[in-house]
């Protein structure tokens, strides 16, 4: 745990790391409440490794789909049938919670989406995804942090800052705006007596660190409640995703907690033995579905003002490979969920899956700019102007117009 602007010494880091597994990268002060009644929450979930959108939301109505995706293609029949979303698209059966949200008008899918990046490097793809710049490079801030910084000072979202979940700050949340960090870890928990004695020691010898320690322990109590330690597998496991979502939701549900959060789930690089309706990818999608369930449950008092956006760096190939997996591709899907989402639909300018319709004869061709989707959410949910979005949040993106109608 580190709630300081300064960099603690190694010995302090070691001490603080044992205090509940909490990490933070900027001091988060106590903020005043804004006057307006609306109190929106925004959660961005990053699926690191590249999601196979054709196995998450399958175009079962496309006559070329089954032949390209082979034995991992979803089907509306069989032992594990896909869940129909409309007459053309069907959802992976591992996601019944999202299916329920979709039917309730609180879940939507945008298909054939990609960032402006067209190569296939995870590192560069994630850099573009999180920085919000048109190409990879050495960027010190992320678009979600710049979103918070661009909001009016009196806005409640800006006043409460952001939350980054994970052992280090995700690039998407780095920048000038205040950020709180939290990460559940498999570390020994301090007893009440030990915590109090350490607090007393540091308050006398290092008041700044003592205050940071006190705030960190308070945050840890809110985030973890009675939850168990993070299961083995961390954020790449289904249980780990669920627990990370639960902790993040507890913090952003708090009256004085952050209003904007970023989580990153690893393990989506499915080159081999991907599976379709069952198998590795289905297990991961089940973990994401469990995260949706935790967000809905914990954020129920503010669910009507909550928007969740799930993104990934790029898609995967339309054809399966020789190891029954998929390689790095281009077009993929974005999941939207929450009471603030105008759902119950799959939004797609479908490009088709015939050989001449594939991007470079191998990938689902992107027809929607991911920045347009995110801009639409930020404009209608948080009130940012098109000019601010094009110049500050997503520099050099004037051509990616905000997608309207995503927020109720």
Protein backbone atom coordinates (compact mmCIF):
# COMPACT_ATOMS: atom_id res chain seq x y z
CA UNK A 1 0.00 0.00 0.00
CA UNK A 2 1.33 3.43 -0.87
CA UNK A 3 -0.88 6.47 -0.63
CA UNK A 4 1.97 8.92 -0.97
CA UNK A 5 3.09 11.23 -3.70
CA UNK A 6 6.67 10.52 -2.67
CA UNK A 7 8.37 7.20 -3.42
CA UNK A 8 8.74 5.12 -0.24
CA UNK A 9 12.03 3.47 0.58
CA UNK A 10 12.29 -0.31 -0.06
CA UNK A 11 11.84 -1.03 3.64
CA UNK A 12 8.65 1.01 3.76
CA UNK A 13 7.37 -0.72 0.64
CA UNK A 14 7.96 -4.09 2.26
CA UNK A 15 6.10 -3.03 5.39
CA UNK A 16 3.17 -1.51 3.53
CA UNK A 17 2.85 -4.45 1.13
CA UNK A 18 1.97 -6.68 4.08
CA UNK A 19 -0.83 -4.41 5.18
CA UNK A 20 -3.70 -6.08 3.37
CA UNK A 21 -2.25 -6.19 -0.12
CA UNK A 22 -3.29 -2.60 -0.89
CA UNK A 23 -1.45 -0.44 -3.39
CA UNK A 24 -2.13 3.19 -4.38
CA UNK A 25 -0.23 5.52 -6.60
CA UNK A 26 -1.46 8.99 -5.70
CA UNK A 27 -2.79 10.61 -2.57
CA UNK A 28 -6.59 10.75 -2.67
CA UNK A 29 -7.87 13.58 -0.44
CA UNK A 30 -11.32 13.83 1.11
CA UNK A 31 -13.56 15.55 -1.42
CA UNK A 32 -16.63 17.74 -1.12
CA UNK A 33 -19.87 16.53 -2.67
CA UNK A 34 -21.17 18.21 -5.80
CA UNK A 35 -24.60 19.83 -5.76
CA UNK A 36 -26.34 17.96 -8.57
CA UNK A 37 -28.39 14.86 -7.79
CA UNK A 38 -26.95 12.65 -10.54
CA UNK A 39 -23.97 10.60 -9.41
CA UNK A 40 -22.64 8.56 -12.37
CA UNK A 41 -20.16 5.70 -12.13
CA UNK A 42 -17.97 4.50 -15.00
CA UNK A 43 -16.03 1.23 -15.02
CA UNK A 44 -13.62 0.25 -17.80
CA UNK A 45 -12.54 -3.39 -17.93
CA UNK A 46 -9.55 -4.31 -20.11
CA UNK A 47 -9.23 -7.90 -21.35
CA UNK A 48 -5.49 -8.25 -21.94
CA UNK A 49 -4.40 -10.73 -24.57
CA UNK A 50 -7.00 -10.01 -27.29
CA UNK A 51 -10.56 -11.34 -27.23
CA UNK A 52 -11.97 -13.64 -29.92
CA UNK A 53 -15.11 -11.65 -30.61
CA UNK A 54 -16.42 -14.33 -32.99
CA UNK A 55 -16.55 -16.82 -30.11
CA UNK A 56 -17.85 -14.31 -27.57
CA UNK A 57 -20.69 -12.96 -29.72
CA UNK A 58 -21.05 -15.25 -32.70
CA UNK A 59 -22.52 -14.17 -36.06
CA UNK A 60 -24.46 -17.42 -36.36
CA UNK A 61 -26.50 -15.90 -39.18
CA UNK A 62 -23.43 -15.45 -41.38
CA UNK A 63 -23.16 -18.45 -43.74
CA UNK A 64 -19.34 -18.32 -43.68
CA UNK A 65 -18.94 -18.29 -39.90
CA UNK A 66 -19.05 -22.01 -39.09
CA UNK A 67 -16.59 -22.94 -41.82
CA UNK A 68 -14.01 -20.37 -40.71
CA UNK A 69 -14.26 -20.96 -36.97
CA UNK A 70 -14.46 -24.74 -37.33
CA UNK A 71 -14.91 -26.86 -34.24
CA UNK A 72 -14.90 -23.88 -31.86
CA UNK A 73 -17.76 -22.11 -33.70
CA UNK A 74 -20.85 -21.51 -31.59
CA UNK A 75 -24.18 -23.01 -32.59
CA UNK A 76 -27.80 -22.55 -31.59
CA UNK A 77 -28.14 -26.33 -31.17
CA UNK A 78 -26.22 -29.10 -29.44
CA UNK A 79 -25.25 -29.74 -25.82
CA UNK A 80 -24.15 -26.15 -25.13
CA UNK A 81 -26.20 -23.92 -27.41
CA UNK A 82 -25.36 -20.25 -27.78
CA UNK A 83 -27.83 -17.72 -26.38
CA UNK A 84 -29.65 -15.86 -29.18
CA UNK A 85 -29.39 -12.08 -28.95
CA UNK A 86 -31.24 -11.34 -32.19
CA UNK A 87 -31.81 -13.07 -35.52
CA UNK A 88 -28.12 -12.87 -36.46
CA UNK A 89 -25.94 -12.83 -33.32
CA UNK A 90 -25.71 -15.24 -30.38
CA UNK A 91 -23.88 -14.99 -27.07
CA UNK A 92 -21.44 -17.53 -25.66
CA UNK A 93 -23.41 -19.74 -23.23
CA UNK A 94 -20.84 -19.01 -20.50
CA UNK A 95 -22.43 -15.55 -20.07
CA UNK A 96 -25.99 -15.97 -18.70
CA UNK A 97 -25.71 -12.87 -16.50
CA UNK A 98 -24.89 -10.64 -19.45
CA UNK A 99 -27.70 -12.29 -21.39
CA UNK A 100 -30.11 -11.34 -18.60
CA UNK A 101 -28.82 -7.76 -18.57
CA UNK A 102 -29.19 -7.65 -22.35
CA UNK A 103 -32.80 -8.78 -22.17
CA UNK A 104 -33.45 -6.18 -19.45
CA UNK A 105 -32.13 -3.43 -21.72
CA UNK A 106 -29.01 -3.00 -19.58
CA UNK A 107 -26.48 -4.72 -21.83
CA UNK A 108 -25.34 -4.07 -25.39
CA UNK A 109 -22.65 -5.28 -27.78
CA UNK A 110 -20.78 -3.30 -30.41
CA UNK A 111 -19.30 -5.72 -32.98
CA UNK A 112 -16.53 -5.42 -35.60
CA UNK A 113 -14.72 -2.84 -33.45
CA UNK A 114 -11.01 -1.97 -33.32
CA UNK A 115 -8.67 0.78 -32.20
CA UNK A 116 -6.69 2.70 -34.81
CA UNK A 117 -3.86 0.16 -34.41
CA UNK A 118 -3.50 -2.36 -37.28
CA UNK A 119 -0.45 -4.41 -36.31
CA UNK A 120 -0.55 -7.39 -33.97
CA UNK A 121 1.81 -6.69 -31.07
CA UNK A 122 0.20 -7.05 -27.65
CA UNK A 123 2.47 -4.39 -26.17
CA UNK A 124 1.81 -1.79 -28.83
CA UNK A 125 -1.86 -2.72 -29.07
CA UNK A 126 -2.37 -2.28 -25.34
CA UNK A 127 -0.40 0.97 -25.43
CA UNK A 128 -2.77 2.40 -28.07
CA UNK A 129 -5.84 1.02 -26.29
CA UNK A 130 -4.93 2.59 -22.95
CA UNK A 131 -3.14 5.77 -24.00
CA UNK A 132 -5.86 6.85 -26.41
CA UNK A 133 -3.31 8.08 -28.94
CA UNK A 134 -3.50 6.97 -32.58
CA UNK A 135 -0.24 5.01 -32.40
CA UNK A 136 2.13 3.45 -29.86
CA UNK A 137 4.87 5.43 -28.17
CA UNK A 138 6.16 6.70 -24.88
CA UNK A 139 3.03 8.26 -23.40
CA UNK A 140 2.83 9.24 -19.74
CA UNK A 141 -0.95 9.38 -19.38
CA UNK A 142 -4.04 7.36 -20.26
CA UNK A 143 -7.34 8.46 -21.72
CA UNK A 144 -9.38 7.59 -18.63
CA UNK A 145 -7.22 9.75 -16.37
CA UNK A 146 -7.40 12.58 -18.92
CA UNK A 147 -11.18 12.16 -18.88
CA UNK A 148 -11.25 12.86 -15.13
CA UNK A 149 -8.85 15.77 -15.52
CA UNK A 150 -11.00 17.31 -18.27
CA UNK A 151 -14.17 17.41 -16.17
CA UNK A 152 -15.18 20.68 -14.47
CA UNK A 153 -13.70 21.05 -11.02
CA UNK A 154 -17.13 21.14 -9.43
CA UNK A 155 -18.26 17.91 -11.07
CA UNK A 156 -18.77 15.08 -8.59
CA UNK A 157 -16.91 12.56 -10.78
CA UNK A 158 -13.86 14.82 -11.01
CA UNK A 159 -13.93 15.59 -7.30
CA UNK A 160 -13.80 11.93 -6.28
CA UNK A 161 -11.00 10.92 -8.67
CA UNK A 162 -10.28 7.52 -10.17
CA UNK A 163 -9.56 3.95 -9.08
CA UNK A 164 -6.98 1.65 -10.62
CA UNK A 165 -7.25 -2.04 -9.74
CA UNK A 166 -4.11 -4.17 -9.97
CA UNK A 167 -0.59 -4.37 -8.51
CA UNK A 168 0.49 -1.38 -10.65
CA UNK A 169 -1.36 1.55 -12.15
CA UNK A 170 -2.78 0.64 -15.55
CA UNK A 171 -1.61 3.09 -18.21
CA UNK A 172 -5.23 4.01 -18.91
CA UNK A 173 -5.45 5.53 -15.40
CA UNK A 174 -2.08 7.28 -15.20
CA UNK A 175 -1.90 11.05 -15.35
CA UNK A 176 -2.53 14.29 -13.49
CA UNK A 177 -5.92 13.44 -11.97
CA UNK A 178 -5.92 11.88 -8.47
CA UNK A 179 -6.02 8.08 -8.50
CA UNK A 180 -6.52 5.54 -5.76
CA UNK A 181 -5.08 2.08 -6.32
CA UNK A 182 -6.20 -1.21 -4.85
CA UNK A 183 -5.17 -4.80 -5.46
CA UNK A 184 -6.18 -7.96 -3.58
CA UNK A 185 -3.07 -10.03 -2.93
CA UNK A 186 -2.20 -13.36 -1.32
CA UNK A 187 -0.44 -11.65 1.58
CA UNK A 188 -0.73 -12.14 5.35
CA UNK A 189 -3.32 -9.88 6.96
CA UNK A 190 -2.26 -7.84 10.00
CA UNK A 191 -4.02 -8.31 13.31
CA UNK A 192 -5.93 -5.35 14.75
CA UNK A 193 -3.27 -4.99 17.46
CA UNK A 194 -0.39 -5.00 14.99
CA UNK A 195 -2.11 -2.47 12.75
CA UNK A 196 -2.77 -0.12 15.67
CA UNK A 197 0.82 -0.35 16.94
CA UNK A 198 2.23 0.35 13.47
CA UNK A 199 -0.12 3.29 13.08
CA UNK A 200 0.97 4.73 16.41
CA UNK A 201 4.65 4.26 15.51
CA UNK A 202 4.43 5.94 12.13
CA UNK A 203 2.18 8.76 13.32
CA UNK A 204 4.90 9.73 15.79
CA UNK A 205 7.92 9.21 13.55
CA UNK A 206 6.51 9.90 10.08
CA UNK A 207 3.08 11.60 10.23
CA UNK A 208 2.64 11.67 6.44
CA UNK A 209 3.26 7.95 6.13
CA UNK A 210 1.10 7.33 9.19
CA UNK A 211 -1.83 9.13 7.59
CA UNK A 212 -1.30 7.20 4.35
CA UNK A 213 -1.25 3.92 6.28
CA UNK A 214 -4.46 4.79 8.10
CA UNK A 215 -6.23 5.67 4.86
CA UNK A 216 -4.96 2.53 3.19
CA UNK A 217 -6.26 0.27 5.94
CA UNK A 218 -9.62 2.01 5.74
CA UNK A 219 -9.77 1.50 1.97
CA UNK A 220 -8.81 -2.15 2.36
CA UNK A 221 -11.67 -2.74 4.79
CA UNK A 222 -14.16 -1.20 2.39
CA UNK A 223 -12.84 -3.11 -0.63
CA UNK A 224 -12.50 -6.56 0.88
CA UNK A 225 -15.27 -6.75 3.46
CA UNK A 226 -15.50 -10.44 4.33
CA UNK A 227 -14.08 -11.73 1.05
CA UNK A 228 -11.43 -14.43 1.00
CA UNK A 229 -7.95 -13.88 -0.37
CA UNK A 230 -7.63 -13.72 -4.13
CA UNK A 231 -7.60 -17.31 -5.47
CA UNK A 232 -4.61 -18.75 -7.27
CA UNK A 233 -4.54 -17.54 -10.82
CA UNK A 234 -5.18 -13.91 -9.88
CA UNK A 235 -7.02 -11.76 -12.39
CA UNK A 236 -6.67 -14.46 -15.09
CA UNK A 237 -8.97 -16.80 -13.14
CA UNK A 238 -12.75 -16.68 -13.03
CA UNK A 239 -12.78 -16.36 -9.25
CA UNK A 240 -10.07 -13.70 -9.37
CA UNK A 241 -12.07 -11.58 -11.82
CA UNK A 242 -15.14 -11.84 -9.62
CA UNK A 243 -13.27 -10.80 -6.50
CA UNK A 244 -11.53 -7.90 -8.23
CA UNK A 245 -14.90 -6.65 -9.44
CA UNK A 246 -16.39 -7.03 -5.98
CA UNK A 247 -13.60 -5.01 -4.34
CA UNK A 248 -13.69 -2.30 -6.99
CA UNK A 249 -17.48 -2.06 -6.73
CA UNK A 250 -17.32 -1.66 -2.95
CA UNK A 251 -14.96 1.28 -3.33
CA UNK A 252 -16.86 3.11 -6.08
CA UNK A 253 -20.18 2.48 -4.30
CA UNK A 254 -18.89 4.28 -1.19
CA UNK A 255 -20.30 7.76 -0.73
CA UNK A 256 -16.83 9.33 -0.66
CA UNK A 257 -15.18 6.79 -3.00
CA UNK A 258 -13.90 7.24 -6.56
CA UNK A 259 -16.45 7.35 -9.37
CA UNK A 260 -14.33 6.09 -12.28
CA UNK A 261 -12.49 2.75 -12.20
CA UNK A 262 -10.21 0.70 -14.45
CA UNK A 263 -9.58 -3.04 -14.10
CA UNK A 264 -7.35 -5.24 -16.24
CA UNK A 265 -7.97 -8.98 -16.57
CA UNK A 266 -5.15 -11.06 -18.05
CA UNK A 267 -5.07 -14.39 -19.91
CA UNK A 268 -7.11 -13.80 -23.10
CA UNK A 269 -4.34 -14.81 -25.56
CA UNK A 270 -5.96 -18.03 -26.84
CA UNK A 271 -3.50 -19.35 -29.44
CA UNK A 272 -4.12 -22.99 -28.54
CA UNK A 273 -7.04 -25.06 -27.24
CA UNK A 274 -9.30 -22.03 -27.12
CA UNK A 275 -12.57 -23.89 -27.02
CA UNK A 276 -15.89 -22.38 -27.98
CA UNK A 277 -19.04 -23.01 -25.95
CA UNK A 278 -16.85 -24.88 -23.45
CA UNK A 279 -13.13 -24.81 -22.67
CA UNK A 280 -10.59 -22.14 -21.85
CA UNK A 281 -12.26 -19.13 -23.46
CA UNK A 282 -15.65 -20.09 -22.01
CA UNK A 283 -14.07 -20.21 -18.55
CA UNK A 284 -12.65 -16.72 -19.03
CA UNK A 285 -15.97 -15.40 -20.31
CA UNK A 286 -17.62 -16.99 -17.29
CA UNK A 287 -15.23 -15.01 -15.09
CA UNK A 288 -16.15 -11.81 -16.89
CA UNK A 289 -19.82 -12.72 -16.44
CA UNK A 290 -19.20 -13.19 -12.73
CA UNK A 291 -17.64 -9.73 -12.64
CA UNK A 292 -20.79 -8.29 -14.23
CA UNK A 293 -22.83 -10.02 -11.54
CA UNK A 294 -20.71 -8.56 -8.73
CA UNK A 295 -20.87 -5.05 -10.17
CA UNK A 296 -24.65 -5.28 -10.44
CA UNK A 297 -25.03 -6.66 -6.92
CA UNK A 298 -22.68 -4.33 -5.05
CA UNK A 299 -23.58 -1.23 -7.07
CA UNK A 300 -27.32 -1.86 -6.88
CA UNK A 301 -28.03 1.47 -5.09
CA UNK A 302 -26.34 3.37 -7.95
CA UNK A 303 -26.79 0.82 -10.74
CA UNK A 304 -29.12 3.11 -12.69
CA UNK A 305 -26.24 5.59 -13.06
CA UNK A 306 -23.55 2.98 -13.78
CA UNK A 307 -21.92 2.26 -17.14
CA UNK A 308 -19.40 -0.56 -17.67
CA UNK A 309 -17.29 -0.70 -20.83
CA UNK A 310 -15.29 -3.88 -21.63
CA UNK A 311 -12.50 -3.50 -24.20
CA UNK A 312 -9.48 -5.41 -25.54
CA UNK A 313 -6.43 -4.48 -27.63
CA UNK A 314 -7.54 -6.30 -30.81
CA UNK A 315 -9.43 -9.35 -32.00
CA UNK A 316 -8.33 -12.74 -33.25
CA UNK A 317 -8.25 -14.49 -36.60
CA UNK A 318 -11.51 -15.59 -38.20
CA UNK A 319 -9.98 -18.97 -39.08
CA UNK A 320 -8.90 -21.35 -36.35
CA UNK A 321 -5.28 -22.50 -36.44
CA UNK A 322 -3.74 -25.97 -36.26
CA UNK A 323 -3.88 -26.05 -32.46
CA UNK A 324 -7.61 -25.31 -32.28
CA UNK A 325 -7.00 -21.73 -31.28
CA UNK A 326 -6.91 -18.32 -32.93
CA UNK A 327 -4.02 -15.98 -33.62
CA UNK A 328 -3.75 -12.21 -33.29
CA UNK A 329 -6.37 -10.43 -35.38
CA UNK A 330 -8.16 -7.11 -35.74
CA UNK A 331 -11.94 -6.69 -35.35
CA UNK A 332 -13.54 -7.72 -32.04
CA UNK A 333 -16.39 -6.78 -29.69
CA UNK A 334 -17.08 -4.23 -26.96
CA UNK A 335 -19.43 -5.18 -24.13
CA UNK A 336 -21.51 -2.43 -22.50
CA UNK A 337 -23.44 -3.05 -19.29
CA UNK A 338 -25.14 -1.12 -16.51
CA UNK A 339 -28.36 0.62 -15.64
CA UNK A 340 -27.21 3.67 -17.59
CA UNK A 341 -26.73 1.69 -20.82
CA UNK A 342 -29.38 1.76 -23.53
CA UNK A 343 -29.11 -1.95 -24.18
CA UNK A 344 -30.93 -4.89 -25.67
CA UNK A 345 -29.14 -4.64 -29.02
CA UNK A 346 -26.05 -5.61 -30.98
CA UNK A 347 -24.70 -2.59 -32.83
CA UNK A 348 -22.80 -3.63 -35.93
CA UNK A 349 -22.04 -2.51 -39.45
CA UNK A 350 -21.39 -6.13 -40.34
CA UNK A 351 -18.53 -6.52 -42.88
CA UNK A 352 -19.11 -10.20 -43.72
CA UNK A 353 -16.78 -13.18 -43.49
CA UNK A 354 -16.15 -14.10 -47.12
CA UNK A 355 -12.44 -14.20 -48.04
CA UNK A 356 -12.57 -10.87 -49.87
CA UNK A 357 -14.38 -9.28 -46.91
CA UNK A 358 -11.79 -10.28 -44.30
CA UNK A 359 -9.11 -7.81 -43.25
CA UNK A 360 -5.86 -8.97 -44.93
CA UNK A 361 -7.68 -12.22 -45.78
CA UNK A 362 -7.56 -13.36 -42.16
CA UNK A 363 -9.40 -11.12 -39.66
CA UNK A 364 -12.85 -9.76 -38.99
CA UNK A 365 -12.67 -6.37 -40.71
CA UNK A 366 -13.24 -3.45 -38.30
CA UNK A 367 -16.07 -1.13 -39.29
CA UNK A 368 -16.35 0.85 -36.03
CA UNK A 369 -13.62 2.87 -34.31
CA UNK A 370 -13.39 1.97 -30.64
CA UNK A 371 -12.77 5.63 -29.85
CA UNK A 372 -16.19 6.49 -31.28
CA UNK A 373 -17.83 4.02 -28.88
CA UNK A 374 -15.95 5.30 -25.83
CA UNK A 375 -16.50 8.92 -26.83
CA UNK A 376 -20.23 8.27 -27.02
CA UNK A 377 -20.24 6.92 -23.47
CA UNK A 378 -18.09 9.76 -22.13
CA UNK A 379 -20.15 12.44 -23.87
CA UNK A 380 -23.57 11.24 -22.76
CA UNK A 381 -22.64 9.72 -19.38
CA UNK A 382 -20.10 12.27 -18.10
CA UNK A 383 -20.96 15.27 -20.24
CA UNK A 384 -17.67 15.85 -22.06
CA UNK A 385 -17.83 17.90 -25.26
CA UNK A 386 -16.81 16.60 -28.67
CA UNK A 387 -13.96 19.11 -28.81
CA UNK A 388 -12.52 18.02 -25.46
CA UNK A 389 -12.83 14.36 -26.46
CA UNK A 390 -11.07 14.92 -29.79
CA UNK A 391 -8.28 17.14 -28.48
CA UNK A 392 -7.60 16.15 -24.88
CA UNK A 393 -8.99 12.70 -24.14
CA UNK A 394 -8.26 11.10 -27.55
CA UNK A 395 -5.80 13.45 -29.29
CA UNK A 396 -5.89 13.56 -33.10
CA UNK A 397 -9.22 11.72 -33.28
CA UNK A 398 -11.49 14.33 -34.83
CA UNK A 399 -12.60 11.79 -37.45
CA UNK A 400 -13.94 9.39 -34.81
CA UNK A 401 -17.29 10.98 -34.02
CA UNK A 402 -18.96 10.06 -30.71
CA UNK A 403 -21.48 7.26 -31.15
CA UNK A 404 -24.82 8.51 -29.88
CA UNK A 405 -27.60 6.63 -28.16
CA UNK A 406 -25.49 4.38 -25.93
CA UNK A 407 -26.65 5.97 -22.66
CA UNK A 408 -30.23 6.09 -21.41
